[in-house]
N, C-alpha and C. Protein backbone atom coordinates (compact mmCIF):
# COMPACT_ATOMS: atom_id res chain seq x y z
N MET A 1 -5.28 6.61 -16.45
CA MET A 1 -5.56 6.49 -15.04
C MET A 1 -5.97 7.84 -14.51
N SER A 2 -6.93 7.86 -13.64
CA SER A 2 -7.47 9.10 -13.09
C SER A 2 -6.59 9.63 -11.96
N SER A 3 -6.40 10.96 -11.97
CA SER A 3 -5.61 11.55 -10.88
C SER A 3 -6.38 11.50 -9.57
N GLN A 4 -7.67 11.18 -9.64
CA GLN A 4 -8.49 11.07 -8.44
C GLN A 4 -8.41 9.69 -7.80
N SER A 5 -7.79 8.73 -8.46
CA SER A 5 -7.66 7.39 -7.91
C SER A 5 -6.84 7.42 -6.63
N GLU A 6 -7.26 6.64 -5.64
CA GLU A 6 -6.54 6.59 -4.37
C GLU A 6 -5.29 5.74 -4.45
N VAL A 7 -5.25 4.86 -5.43
CA VAL A 7 -4.07 4.04 -5.66
C VAL A 7 -3.81 4.06 -7.16
N LEU A 8 -2.62 4.48 -7.54
CA LEU A 8 -2.24 4.53 -8.94
C LEU A 8 -1.32 3.37 -9.25
N MET A 9 -1.56 2.71 -10.38
CA MET A 9 -0.72 1.61 -10.81
C MET A 9 -0.25 1.92 -12.22
N GLU A 10 1.06 1.87 -12.42
CA GLU A 10 1.58 2.15 -13.75
C GLU A 10 2.82 1.32 -14.02
N LYS A 11 3.12 1.15 -15.28
CA LYS A 11 4.32 0.44 -15.70
C LYS A 11 5.32 1.50 -16.14
N VAL A 12 6.51 1.49 -15.56
CA VAL A 12 7.58 2.41 -15.91
C VAL A 12 8.80 1.56 -16.28
N GLY A 13 9.08 1.48 -17.55
CA GLY A 13 10.15 0.59 -17.99
C GLY A 13 9.81 -0.84 -17.61
N ASN A 14 10.72 -1.49 -16.90
CA ASN A 14 10.48 -2.86 -16.44
C ASN A 14 9.95 -2.91 -15.02
N ALA A 15 9.51 -1.78 -14.49
CA ALA A 15 9.01 -1.73 -13.11
C ALA A 15 7.49 -1.53 -13.08
N GLY A 16 6.85 -2.22 -12.17
CA GLY A 16 5.46 -1.94 -11.84
C GLY A 16 5.49 -0.98 -10.67
N VAL A 17 4.85 0.18 -10.79
CA VAL A 17 4.90 1.20 -9.75
C VAL A 17 3.50 1.41 -9.16
N ILE A 18 3.42 1.29 -7.83
CA ILE A 18 2.18 1.52 -7.08
C ILE A 18 2.38 2.82 -6.31
N THR A 19 1.46 3.77 -6.46
CA THR A 19 1.53 5.02 -5.72
C THR A 19 0.29 5.16 -4.86
N LEU A 20 0.48 5.24 -3.54
CA LEU A 20 -0.62 5.53 -2.63
C LEU A 20 -0.96 7.00 -2.82
N ASN A 21 -2.18 7.31 -3.21
CA ASN A 21 -2.52 8.65 -3.69
C ASN A 21 -3.62 9.31 -2.86
N ARG A 22 -3.51 9.22 -1.54
CA ARG A 22 -4.43 9.93 -0.65
C ARG A 22 -3.62 10.90 0.20
N SER A 23 -2.87 11.77 -0.44
CA SER A 23 -1.93 12.62 0.29
C SER A 23 -2.62 13.50 1.33
N LYS A 24 -3.87 13.94 1.08
CA LYS A 24 -4.57 14.76 2.07
C LYS A 24 -4.88 13.96 3.33
N ALA A 25 -4.96 12.64 3.20
CA ALA A 25 -5.21 11.76 4.35
C ALA A 25 -3.95 10.98 4.71
N LEU A 26 -2.79 11.53 4.37
CA LEU A 26 -1.49 10.92 4.66
C LEU A 26 -1.38 9.51 4.10
N ASN A 27 -2.04 9.29 2.97
CA ASN A 27 -1.99 8.02 2.24
C ASN A 27 -2.50 6.83 3.07
N LEU A 28 -3.53 7.07 3.87
CA LEU A 28 -4.15 5.98 4.63
C LEU A 28 -4.62 4.88 3.68
N ILE A 29 -4.58 3.66 4.17
CA ILE A 29 -5.00 2.50 3.39
C ILE A 29 -6.44 2.13 3.75
N ARG A 30 -7.24 1.83 2.75
CA ARG A 30 -8.63 1.35 2.95
C ARG A 30 -8.71 -0.11 2.51
N LEU A 31 -9.78 -0.78 2.95
CA LEU A 31 -10.00 -2.17 2.56
C LEU A 31 -9.99 -2.32 1.05
N SER A 32 -10.60 -1.40 0.34
CA SER A 32 -10.64 -1.51 -1.13
C SER A 32 -9.25 -1.50 -1.74
N HIS A 33 -8.29 -0.88 -1.08
CA HIS A 33 -6.91 -0.89 -1.59
C HIS A 33 -6.32 -2.28 -1.52
N TYR A 34 -6.57 -2.98 -0.42
CA TYR A 34 -6.07 -4.35 -0.29
C TYR A 34 -6.63 -5.21 -1.41
N LEU A 35 -7.92 -5.02 -1.67
CA LEU A 35 -8.59 -5.86 -2.67
C LEU A 35 -8.23 -5.47 -4.09
N GLY A 36 -7.78 -4.23 -4.29
CA GLY A 36 -7.50 -3.75 -5.63
C GLY A 36 -6.05 -3.88 -6.03
N TYR A 37 -5.23 -2.95 -5.62
CA TYR A 37 -3.87 -2.89 -6.16
C TYR A 37 -3.00 -4.02 -5.67
N LEU A 38 -3.36 -4.65 -4.60
CA LEU A 38 -2.43 -5.57 -3.99
C LEU A 38 -2.47 -6.98 -4.53
N SER A 39 -3.25 -7.21 -5.55
CA SER A 39 -3.21 -8.54 -6.17
C SER A 39 -1.87 -8.76 -6.84
N LEU A 40 -1.22 -7.69 -7.25
CA LEU A 40 0.07 -7.72 -7.95
C LEU A 40 0.01 -8.49 -9.25
N GLY A 41 -1.17 -8.95 -9.61
CA GLY A 41 -1.37 -9.72 -10.83
C GLY A 41 -0.87 -9.07 -12.10
N PRO A 42 -1.06 -7.74 -12.26
CA PRO A 42 -0.61 -7.12 -13.52
C PRO A 42 0.88 -7.28 -13.78
N TRP A 43 1.66 -7.60 -12.75
CA TRP A 43 3.11 -7.61 -12.93
C TRP A 43 3.73 -8.99 -12.76
N THR A 44 2.96 -10.02 -13.00
CA THR A 44 3.52 -11.36 -12.91
C THR A 44 4.19 -11.79 -14.21
N HIS A 45 3.96 -11.06 -15.29
CA HIS A 45 4.55 -11.45 -16.57
C HIS A 45 6.05 -11.13 -16.61
N LYS A 46 6.73 -11.72 -17.56
CA LYS A 46 8.19 -11.63 -17.59
C LYS A 46 8.73 -10.25 -17.94
N GLU A 47 7.92 -9.34 -18.45
CA GLU A 47 8.40 -7.99 -18.77
C GLU A 47 8.56 -7.10 -17.54
N THR A 48 8.09 -7.55 -16.40
CA THR A 48 8.22 -6.78 -15.16
C THR A 48 9.27 -7.44 -14.28
N ASP A 49 10.28 -6.65 -13.89
CA ASP A 49 11.38 -7.18 -13.10
C ASP A 49 11.28 -6.83 -11.62
N ILE A 50 10.52 -5.78 -11.29
CA ILE A 50 10.48 -5.27 -9.92
C ILE A 50 9.15 -4.54 -9.70
N VAL A 51 8.68 -4.53 -8.46
CA VAL A 51 7.50 -3.75 -8.08
C VAL A 51 7.94 -2.73 -7.05
N ILE A 52 7.55 -1.48 -7.25
CA ILE A 52 7.91 -0.38 -6.36
C ILE A 52 6.64 0.23 -5.82
N ILE A 53 6.60 0.51 -4.50
CA ILE A 53 5.46 1.19 -3.90
C ILE A 53 5.96 2.47 -3.24
N LYS A 54 5.18 3.54 -3.39
CA LYS A 54 5.57 4.83 -2.83
C LYS A 54 4.33 5.62 -2.46
N GLY A 55 4.50 6.67 -1.68
CA GLY A 55 3.39 7.53 -1.30
C GLY A 55 3.44 8.84 -2.06
N ALA A 56 2.27 9.40 -2.36
CA ALA A 56 2.18 10.68 -3.06
C ALA A 56 2.24 11.84 -2.08
N GLY A 57 2.61 12.99 -2.56
CA GLY A 57 2.52 14.22 -1.79
C GLY A 57 3.75 14.64 -1.01
N GLY A 58 4.68 13.74 -0.78
CA GLY A 58 5.91 14.09 -0.09
C GLY A 58 5.84 14.21 1.43
N LYS A 59 4.66 14.24 2.01
CA LYS A 59 4.54 14.40 3.46
C LYS A 59 4.50 13.06 4.19
N ALA A 60 3.93 12.05 3.53
CA ALA A 60 3.79 10.74 4.18
C ALA A 60 3.91 9.63 3.17
N PHE A 61 4.57 8.56 3.59
CA PHE A 61 4.53 7.33 2.79
C PHE A 61 3.16 6.70 3.01
N CYS A 62 2.83 6.41 4.27
CA CYS A 62 1.54 5.82 4.61
C CYS A 62 1.37 5.93 6.13
N ALA A 63 0.27 6.55 6.53
CA ALA A 63 0.01 6.72 7.96
C ALA A 63 -0.78 5.56 8.54
N GLY A 64 -0.83 4.43 7.83
CA GLY A 64 -1.47 3.24 8.35
C GLY A 64 -2.83 2.99 7.74
N GLY A 65 -3.61 2.17 8.44
CA GLY A 65 -4.96 1.85 7.99
C GLY A 65 -5.94 2.93 8.38
N ASP A 66 -7.10 2.89 7.77
CA ASP A 66 -8.14 3.88 8.03
C ASP A 66 -8.91 3.46 9.29
N ILE A 67 -8.29 3.74 10.44
CA ILE A 67 -8.84 3.32 11.73
C ILE A 67 -10.21 3.95 12.00
N ARG A 68 -10.41 5.17 11.56
CA ARG A 68 -11.71 5.82 11.76
C ARG A 68 -12.82 5.02 11.10
N ALA A 69 -12.59 4.59 9.85
CA ALA A 69 -13.61 3.81 9.14
C ALA A 69 -13.87 2.48 9.84
N VAL A 70 -12.82 1.83 10.30
CA VAL A 70 -12.97 0.54 10.98
C VAL A 70 -13.71 0.73 12.30
N THR A 71 -13.39 1.79 13.05
CA THR A 71 -14.04 2.06 14.33
C THR A 71 -15.53 2.36 14.14
N GLU A 72 -15.83 3.21 13.19
CA GLU A 72 -17.23 3.56 12.92
C GLU A 72 -18.03 2.34 12.48
N ALA A 73 -17.43 1.49 11.67
CA ALA A 73 -18.10 0.27 11.23
C ALA A 73 -18.38 -0.64 12.41
N GLY A 74 -17.42 -0.75 13.32
CA GLY A 74 -17.60 -1.61 14.50
C GLY A 74 -18.73 -1.14 15.39
N LYS A 75 -18.94 0.15 15.48
CA LYS A 75 -20.01 0.71 16.32
C LYS A 75 -21.39 0.29 15.85
N VAL A 76 -21.52 0.00 14.55
CA VAL A 76 -22.84 -0.37 14.02
C VAL A 76 -22.90 -1.85 13.61
N GLY A 77 -21.91 -2.62 14.05
CA GLY A 77 -21.92 -4.06 13.78
C GLY A 77 -21.48 -4.45 12.38
N ASP A 78 -20.92 -3.53 11.64
CA ASP A 78 -20.42 -3.81 10.30
C ASP A 78 -19.14 -4.64 10.42
N PRO A 79 -18.97 -5.69 9.61
CA PRO A 79 -17.78 -6.54 9.71
C PRO A 79 -16.52 -5.97 9.06
N LEU A 80 -16.51 -4.68 8.73
CA LEU A 80 -15.37 -4.08 8.05
C LEU A 80 -14.05 -4.35 8.77
N GLY A 81 -14.03 -4.23 10.09
CA GLY A 81 -12.78 -4.44 10.83
C GLY A 81 -12.19 -5.82 10.61
N LYS A 82 -13.03 -6.84 10.72
CA LYS A 82 -12.54 -8.20 10.50
C LYS A 82 -12.09 -8.40 9.06
N GLU A 83 -12.88 -7.87 8.13
CA GLU A 83 -12.52 -7.99 6.72
C GLU A 83 -11.21 -7.27 6.43
N ASP A 84 -11.05 -6.10 7.02
CA ASP A 84 -9.85 -5.30 6.80
C ASP A 84 -8.60 -6.06 7.24
N PHE A 85 -8.62 -6.60 8.45
CA PHE A 85 -7.46 -7.33 8.94
C PHE A 85 -7.23 -8.62 8.16
N ARG A 86 -8.30 -9.31 7.79
CA ARG A 86 -8.17 -10.54 7.01
C ARG A 86 -7.48 -10.25 5.68
N GLU A 87 -7.95 -9.22 4.99
CA GLU A 87 -7.36 -8.87 3.70
C GLU A 87 -5.92 -8.39 3.84
N GLU A 88 -5.64 -7.70 4.93
CA GLU A 88 -4.26 -7.26 5.16
C GLU A 88 -3.33 -8.46 5.28
N TYR A 89 -3.74 -9.48 6.01
CA TYR A 89 -2.87 -10.64 6.18
C TYR A 89 -2.77 -11.47 4.91
N ILE A 90 -3.81 -11.49 4.10
CA ILE A 90 -3.71 -12.13 2.78
C ILE A 90 -2.68 -11.38 1.95
N LEU A 91 -2.74 -10.05 2.02
CA LEU A 91 -1.77 -9.23 1.30
C LEU A 91 -0.35 -9.49 1.81
N ASN A 92 -0.18 -9.56 3.12
CA ASN A 92 1.14 -9.85 3.68
C ASN A 92 1.72 -11.11 3.05
N ASN A 93 0.89 -12.14 2.94
CA ASN A 93 1.33 -13.40 2.35
C ASN A 93 1.67 -13.22 0.88
N THR A 94 0.83 -12.49 0.16
CA THR A 94 1.07 -12.26 -1.26
C THR A 94 2.42 -11.57 -1.48
N ILE A 95 2.68 -10.52 -0.72
CA ILE A 95 3.93 -9.79 -0.87
C ILE A 95 5.11 -10.65 -0.41
N GLY A 96 4.94 -11.34 0.71
CA GLY A 96 6.03 -12.15 1.26
C GLY A 96 6.43 -13.31 0.38
N THR A 97 5.53 -13.79 -0.45
CA THR A 97 5.83 -14.93 -1.31
C THR A 97 5.97 -14.52 -2.78
N TYR A 98 5.91 -13.21 -3.04
CA TYR A 98 6.02 -12.71 -4.41
C TYR A 98 7.39 -13.08 -4.96
N GLN A 99 7.45 -13.44 -6.22
CA GLN A 99 8.69 -13.96 -6.81
C GLN A 99 9.63 -12.90 -7.36
N LYS A 100 9.23 -11.62 -7.29
CA LYS A 100 10.08 -10.55 -7.81
C LYS A 100 10.36 -9.56 -6.69
N PRO A 101 11.44 -8.79 -6.82
CA PRO A 101 11.73 -7.78 -5.78
C PRO A 101 10.57 -6.80 -5.61
N TYR A 102 10.28 -6.47 -4.38
CA TYR A 102 9.20 -5.55 -4.01
C TYR A 102 9.83 -4.50 -3.12
N VAL A 103 9.90 -3.26 -3.63
CA VAL A 103 10.65 -2.20 -2.97
C VAL A 103 9.69 -1.12 -2.49
N ALA A 104 9.82 -0.72 -1.23
CA ALA A 104 9.03 0.38 -0.67
C ALA A 104 9.93 1.61 -0.55
N LEU A 105 9.54 2.71 -1.18
CA LEU A 105 10.27 3.97 -1.08
C LEU A 105 9.60 4.78 0.01
N ILE A 106 10.21 4.81 1.19
CA ILE A 106 9.57 5.37 2.37
C ILE A 106 10.18 6.72 2.71
N GLY A 107 9.32 7.73 2.80
CA GLY A 107 9.75 9.06 3.20
C GLY A 107 8.60 9.75 3.90
N GLY A 108 8.89 10.52 4.92
CA GLY A 108 7.83 11.22 5.65
C GLY A 108 7.18 10.33 6.68
N ILE A 109 5.94 10.63 7.02
CA ILE A 109 5.20 9.90 8.04
C ILE A 109 4.98 8.46 7.59
N THR A 110 5.32 7.53 8.46
CA THR A 110 5.21 6.11 8.16
C THR A 110 4.77 5.39 9.42
N MET A 111 3.55 4.83 9.40
CA MET A 111 3.03 4.14 10.58
C MET A 111 2.19 2.95 10.17
N GLY A 112 1.86 2.13 11.15
CA GLY A 112 0.87 1.07 11.01
C GLY A 112 1.05 0.15 9.84
N ALA A 113 0.33 0.39 8.79
CA ALA A 113 0.27 -0.53 7.66
C ALA A 113 1.59 -0.66 6.91
N VAL A 114 2.63 0.03 7.36
CA VAL A 114 3.93 -0.10 6.68
C VAL A 114 4.38 -1.55 6.70
N ARG A 115 3.96 -2.33 7.68
CA ARG A 115 4.40 -3.72 7.73
C ARG A 115 3.96 -4.51 6.50
N ILE A 116 2.92 -4.05 5.81
CA ILE A 116 2.47 -4.78 4.63
C ILE A 116 3.30 -4.45 3.40
N LYS A 117 4.19 -3.53 3.51
CA LYS A 117 4.89 -3.08 2.34
C LYS A 117 6.36 -3.41 2.33
N ILE A 118 6.90 -3.89 3.41
CA ILE A 118 8.33 -4.12 3.47
C ILE A 118 8.62 -5.61 3.62
N TYR A 119 9.07 -6.21 2.54
CA TYR A 119 9.48 -7.60 2.60
C TYR A 119 10.85 -7.81 1.99
N TYR A 120 11.13 -7.11 0.91
CA TYR A 120 12.42 -7.27 0.26
C TYR A 120 13.38 -6.14 0.59
N PHE A 121 12.93 -4.90 0.41
CA PHE A 121 13.85 -3.78 0.54
C PHE A 121 13.05 -2.51 0.78
N ALA A 122 13.54 -1.66 1.66
CA ALA A 122 12.90 -0.36 1.88
C ALA A 122 13.97 0.71 1.83
N GLN A 123 13.70 1.77 1.12
CA GLN A 123 14.60 2.93 1.07
C GLN A 123 13.94 4.05 1.85
N THR A 124 14.57 4.47 2.93
CA THR A 124 14.02 5.56 3.74
C THR A 124 14.84 6.82 3.53
N SER A 125 14.30 7.93 4.00
CA SER A 125 15.04 9.18 3.90
C SER A 125 15.17 9.79 5.29
N GLU A 126 15.95 10.85 5.39
CA GLU A 126 16.17 11.48 6.69
C GLU A 126 14.91 12.09 7.28
N ASN A 127 13.87 12.29 6.47
CA ASN A 127 12.63 12.86 7.00
C ASN A 127 11.58 11.80 7.32
N THR A 128 11.97 10.54 7.32
CA THR A 128 11.04 9.46 7.66
C THR A 128 10.77 9.49 9.15
N ASP A 129 9.50 9.59 9.49
CA ASP A 129 9.06 9.65 10.89
C ASP A 129 8.38 8.33 11.22
N ARG A 130 9.03 7.53 12.09
CA ARG A 130 8.48 6.22 12.42
C ARG A 130 7.93 6.22 13.82
């Protein structure tokens, strides 16, 4: 897996681990992230017992969606905004109906899109800014 990937997916023991890897942008979420890592398909097999999501860099778990990209797209009539919200709600359903525990490790700045990551359990720290 490339260290340049914005979303890292790896298997650690019996856990599927998702790392939001845009630390310079406070781990903002893009439409491509919804379409990519959030299928959760790689971890439906019986060797995976839990899925964990976390943010890279230590400063932010996730500062929400990429509002700048959605706003700029809207100015030129691009349907990105509608697609972004549609995919987010599909993801909400996927996570909410997932058959295995889905844990969000939340520390640092946490805004907006955090609602897509918390369905079973969230571990926060004293530096979590909501």
